[in-house]
Amino acid sequence: MNSNQLRPRWLRKHVWLPLVLIAGLTIASVVAFVNSDASTIMIYNETGRSISALKVAACGQETVLRGMEEEESFRWQLKETGAPGEMALETAANPPWRWQGGYIQTRGGYRVTLRLWPDGEVELHTQISLWQRLFHNAPNINN
């Protein structure tokens, strides 16, 4: 008889379950820590209508969103290259609608949320990732 057959079934489960949970938590923490330095921009379309094309620019990078439906969102993770600065939005409407503001860096864990409203206003919220604040002494930006 081997030792596993001598131990009750409940005891074997009580050993493996915590080990699997600890391993999963460790992997999730490592992934979160590695990704904490990347900066992202989240754009929410709250305009009440679809946007045929929206150009987003930040840190010398740009992307174009096509066919952004009402109440749809888009997440854009910046690449490591580029100088810090303001973000800019522009639509393909006639006349084009433009917005520029806020501040972002390609690294540092910036989490920027932009909400586009029906009256043309852009609501801006900026945060720094929790990991950057805890382990890299990043400022607690929350506006």
C-alpha atoms as a PDB file:
ATOM      1  CA  MET A   1       0.000   0.000   0.000  1.00  0.00           C
ATOM      2  CA  ASN A   2       1.386   3.407  -0.895  1.00  0.00           C
ATOM      3  CA  SER A   3       1.278   6.451   1.392  1.00  0.00           C
ATOM      4  CA  ASN A   4      -1.484   8.193  -0.619  1.00  0.00           C
ATOM      5  CA  GLN A   5      -3.855   5.332   0.062  1.00  0.00           C
ATOM      6  CA  LEU A   6      -3.126   5.565   3.784  1.00  0.00           C
ATOM      7  CA  ARG A   7      -3.994   9.287   3.970  1.00  0.00           C
ATOM      8  CA  PRO A   8      -7.666  10.164   3.883  1.00  0.00           C
ATOM      9  CA  ARG A   9      -9.014  11.775   0.708  1.00  0.00           C
ATOM     10  CA  TRP A  10      -9.924  15.049   2.480  1.00  0.00           C
ATOM     11  CA  LEU A  11      -6.330  15.460   3.650  1.00  0.00           C
ATOM     12  CA  ARG A  12      -4.972  15.120   0.093  1.00  0.00           C
ATOM     13  CA  LYS A  13      -7.424  17.775  -1.167  1.00  0.00           C
ATOM     14  CA  HIS A  14      -6.513  20.147   1.657  1.00  0.00           C
ATOM     15  CA  VAL A  15      -2.887  20.071   0.589  1.00  0.00           C
ATOM     16  CA  TRP A  16      -3.331  20.510  -3.178  1.00  0.00           C
ATOM     17  CA  LEU A  17      -6.040  23.165  -3.161  1.00  0.00           C
ATOM     18  CA  PRO A  18      -3.999  25.744  -1.188  1.00  0.00           C
ATOM     19  CA  LEU A  19      -0.922  25.001  -3.299  1.00  0.00           C
ATOM     20  CA  VAL A  20      -2.868  25.589  -6.543  1.00  0.00           C
ATOM     21  CA  LEU A  21      -4.396  28.798  -5.141  1.00  0.00           C
ATOM     22  CA  ILE A  22      -1.009  30.116  -4.014  1.00  0.00           C
ATOM     23  CA  ALA A  23       0.535  29.310  -7.405  1.00  0.00           C
ATOM     24  CA  GLY A  24      -2.339  31.048  -9.221  1.00  0.00           C
ATOM     25  CA  LEU A  25      -2.092  34.115  -7.001  1.00  0.00           C
ATOM     26  CA  THR A  26       1.670  34.262  -7.519  1.00  0.00           C
ATOM     27  CA  ILE A  27       1.330  34.069 -11.310  1.00  0.00           C
ATOM     28  CA  ALA A  28      -1.386  36.743 -11.340  1.00  0.00           C
ATOM     29  CA  SER A  29       0.747  39.033  -9.158  1.00  0.00           C
ATOM     30  CA  VAL A  30       3.794  38.637 -11.406  1.00  0.00           C
ATOM     31  CA  VAL A  31       1.743  39.401 -14.534  1.00  0.00           C
ATOM     32  CA  ALA A  32       0.197  42.474 -12.870  1.00  0.00           C
ATOM     33  CA  PHE A  33       3.602  43.714 -11.716  1.00  0.00           C
ATOM     34  CA  VAL A  34       5.198  43.263 -15.157  1.00  0.00           C
ATOM     35  CA  ASN A  35       2.311  45.090 -16.885  1.00  0.00           C
ATOM     36  CA  SER A  36       2.121  47.848 -14.263  1.00  0.00           C
ATOM     37  CA  ASP A  37       4.664  50.030 -16.042  1.00  0.00           C
ATOM     38  CA  ALA A  38       2.704  50.182 -19.316  1.00  0.00           C
ATOM     39  CA  SER A  39       0.438  53.181 -19.850  1.00  0.00           C
ATOM     40  CA  THR A  40      -3.048  52.785 -21.303  1.00  0.00           C
ATOM     41  CA  ILE A  41      -5.821  55.012 -22.589  1.00  0.00           C
ATOM     42  CA  MET A  42      -9.467  53.906 -22.308  1.00  0.00           C
ATOM     43  CA  ILE A  43     -11.980  55.732 -24.502  1.00  0.00           C
ATOM     44  CA  TYR A  44     -15.722  55.459 -23.876  1.00  0.00           C
ATOM     45  CA  ASN A  45     -18.228  56.637 -26.483  1.00  0.00           C
ATOM     46  CA  GLU A  46     -21.049  58.249 -24.503  1.00  0.00           C
ATOM     47  CA  THR A  47     -22.102  60.577 -27.344  1.00  0.00           C
ATOM     48  CA  GLY A  48     -25.381  58.824 -28.082  1.00  0.00           C
ATOM     49  CA  ARG A  49     -24.319  58.019 -31.638  1.00  0.00           C
ATOM     50  CA  SER A  50     -21.642  56.047 -33.454  1.00  0.00           C
ATOM     51  CA  ILE A  51     -18.356  57.671 -34.453  1.00  0.00           C
ATOM     52  CA  SER A  52     -17.226  56.722 -37.943  1.00  0.00           C
ATOM     53  CA  ALA A  53     -13.528  57.432 -37.335  1.00  0.00           C
ATOM     54  CA  LEU A  54     -11.639  58.728 -34.313  1.00  0.00           C
ATOM     55  CA  LYS A  55      -7.915  59.478 -34.384  1.00  0.00           C
ATOM     56  CA  VAL A  56      -6.163  59.231 -31.024  1.00  0.00           C
ATOM     57  CA  ALA A  57      -2.625  60.559 -30.548  1.00  0.00           C
ATOM     58  CA  ALA A  58      -0.305  60.500 -27.537  1.00  0.00           C
ATOM     59  CA  CYS A  59       3.462  60.464 -26.986  1.00  0.00           C
ATOM     60  CA  GLY A  60       4.202  60.640 -30.714  1.00  0.00           C
ATOM     61  CA  GLN A  61       2.017  57.578 -31.384  1.00  0.00           C
ATOM     62  CA  GLU A  62      -1.396  57.485 -33.001  1.00  0.00           C
ATOM     63  CA  THR A  63      -4.165  55.074 -33.842  1.00  0.00           C
ATOM     64  CA  VAL A  64      -7.451  55.372 -35.710  1.00  0.00           C
ATOM     65  CA  LEU A  65     -10.652  53.771 -34.418  1.00  0.00           C
ATOM     66  CA  ARG A  66     -13.201  53.006 -37.098  1.00  0.00           C
ATOM     67  CA  GLY A  67     -16.892  52.475 -36.448  1.00  0.00           C
ATOM     68  CA  MET A  68     -16.943  53.096 -32.699  1.00  0.00           C
ATOM     69  CA  GLU A  69     -20.542  52.400 -31.718  1.00  0.00           C
ATOM     70  CA  GLU A  70     -22.548  54.165 -29.023  1.00  0.00           C
ATOM     71  CA  GLU A  71     -21.585  52.997 -25.508  1.00  0.00           C
ATOM     72  CA  GLU A  72     -18.600  51.112 -26.912  1.00  0.00           C
ATOM     73  CA  SER A  73     -15.132  51.394 -25.409  1.00  0.00           C
ATOM     74  CA  PHE A  74     -11.596  51.025 -26.696  1.00  0.00           C
ATOM     75  CA  ARG A  75      -8.387  50.290 -24.810  1.00  0.00           C
ATOM     76  CA  TRP A  76      -5.056  51.415 -26.239  1.00  0.00           C
ATOM     77  CA  GLN A  77      -1.756  50.420 -24.642  1.00  0.00           C
ATOM     78  CA  LEU A  78       1.087  52.740 -25.560  1.00  0.00           C
ATOM     79  CA  LYS A  79       4.397  51.401 -26.832  1.00  0.00           C
ATOM     80  CA  GLU A  80       7.603  52.215 -24.959  1.00  0.00           C
ATOM     81  CA  THR A  81       8.756  54.870 -27.430  1.00  0.00           C
ATOM     82  CA  GLY A  82       7.774  58.519 -27.504  1.00  0.00           C
ATOM     83  CA  ALA A  83       7.979  61.688 -25.471  1.00  0.00           C
ATOM     84  CA  PRO A  84       5.514  62.487 -22.679  1.00  0.00           C
ATOM     85  CA  GLY A  85       2.848  65.036 -23.436  1.00  0.00           C
ATOM     86  CA  GLU A  86      -0.794  65.771 -24.092  1.00  0.00           C
ATOM     87  CA  MET A  87      -3.314  63.481 -25.727  1.00  0.00           C
ATOM     88  CA  ALA A  88      -5.306  64.500 -28.786  1.00  0.00           C
ATOM     89  CA  LEU A  89      -8.574  63.294 -30.331  1.00  0.00           C
ATOM     90  CA  GLU A  90      -9.972  64.143 -33.748  1.00  0.00           C
ATOM     91  CA  THR A  91     -13.048  62.890 -35.602  1.00  0.00           C
ATOM     92  CA  ALA A  92     -13.575  62.580 -39.335  1.00  0.00           C
ATOM     93  CA  ALA A  93     -16.815  64.603 -39.156  1.00  0.00           C
ATOM     94  CA  ASN A  94     -17.443  67.672 -41.268  1.00  0.00           C
ATOM     95  CA  PRO A  95     -16.294  69.965 -39.685  1.00  0.00           C
ATOM     96  CA  PRO A  96     -13.807  67.837 -37.734  1.00  0.00           C
ATOM     97  CA  TRP A  97     -14.105  67.841 -33.977  1.00  0.00           C
ATOM     98  CA  ARG A  98     -10.829  68.181 -32.050  1.00  0.00           C
ATOM     99  CA  TRP A  99      -9.773  67.883 -28.422  1.00  0.00           C
ATOM    100  CA  GLN A 100      -6.363  68.113 -26.800  1.00  0.00           C
ATOM    101  CA  GLY A 101      -5.439  67.898 -23.134  1.00  0.00           C
ATOM    102  CA  GLY A 102      -4.327  65.817 -20.213  1.00  0.00           C
ATOM    103  CA  TYR A 103      -0.864  64.397 -19.750  1.00  0.00           C
ATOM    104  CA  ILE A 104       0.544  60.916 -20.258  1.00  0.00           C
ATOM    105  CA  GLN A 105       3.908  59.163 -20.410  1.00  0.00           C
ATOM    106  CA  THR A 106       4.618  55.949 -22.298  1.00  0.00           C
ATOM    107  CA  ARG A 107       5.853  54.318 -19.082  1.00  0.00           C
ATOM    108  CA  GLY A 108       4.955  54.848 -15.472  1.00  0.00           C
ATOM    109  CA  GLY A 109       1.645  53.021 -15.274  1.00  0.00           C
ATOM    110  CA  TYR A 110      -0.648  55.827 -16.401  1.00  0.00           C
ATOM    111  CA  ARG A 111      -4.305  54.771 -16.628  1.00  0.00           C
ATOM    112  CA  VAL A 112      -6.195  57.461 -18.545  1.00  0.00           C
ATOM    113  CA  THR A 113      -9.954  57.301 -19.040  1.00  0.00           C
ATOM    114  CA  LEU A 114     -11.564  59.552 -21.653  1.00  0.00           C
ATOM    115  CA  ARG A 115     -15.368  59.759 -21.861  1.00  0.00           C
ATOM    116  CA  LEU A 116     -16.793  61.443 -24.946  1.00  0.00           C
ATOM    117  CA  TRP A 117     -20.108  63.203 -24.196  1.00  0.00           C
ATOM    118  CA  PRO A 118     -22.898  64.384 -26.580  1.00  0.00           C
ATOM    119  CA  ASP A 119     -22.118  68.084 -26.123  1.00  0.00           C
ATOM    120  CA  GLY A 120     -18.529  67.614 -27.363  1.00  0.00           C
ATOM    121  CA  GLU A 121     -17.042  67.588 -23.889  1.00  0.00           C
ATOM    122  CA  VAL A 122     -14.324  65.121 -22.953  1.00  0.00           C
ATOM    123  CA  GLU A 123     -14.202  63.902 -19.373  1.00  0.00           C
ATOM    124  CA  LEU A 124     -10.642  63.017 -18.369  1.00  0.00           C
ATOM    125  CA  HIS A 125      -9.521  60.877 -15.422  1.00  0.00           C
ATOM    126  CA  THR A 126      -5.891  59.923 -14.814  1.00  0.00           C
ATOM    127  CA  GLN A 127      -4.524  57.419 -12.319  1.00  0.00           C
ATOM    128  CA  ILE A 128      -1.169  55.745 -11.741  1.00  0.00           C
ATOM    129  CA  SER A 129      -1.183  51.963 -11.340  1.00  0.00           C
ATOM    130  CA  LEU A 130      -1.234  50.652  -7.787  1.00  0.00           C
ATOM    131  CA  TRP A 131       1.976  48.658  -8.357  1.00  0.00           C
ATOM    132  CA  GLN A 132       3.832  51.770  -9.518  1.00  0.00           C
ATOM    133  CA  ARG A 133       2.690  53.705  -6.451  1.00  0.00           C
ATOM    134  CA  LEU A 134       3.581  50.913  -4.029  1.00  0.00           C
ATOM    135  CA  PHE A 135       6.899  49.715  -5.433  1.00  0.00           C
ATOM    136  CA  HIS A 136       8.281  52.598  -7.506  1.00  0.00           C
ATOM    137  CA  ASN A 137       7.204  55.595  -5.395  1.00  0.00           C
ATOM    138  CA  ALA A 138       5.102  56.981  -8.255  1.00  0.00           C
ATOM    139  CA  PRO A 139       2.888  59.935  -7.324  1.00  0.00           C
ATOM    140  CA  ASN A 140      -0.703  59.210  -6.355  1.00  0.00           C
ATOM    141  CA  ILE A 141      -2.383  60.925  -9.290  1.00  0.00           C
ATOM    142  CA  ASN A 142      -6.125  60.524  -9.197  1.00  0.00           C
ATOM    143  CA  ASN A 143      -7.948  63.284 -11.047  1.00  0.00           C
END
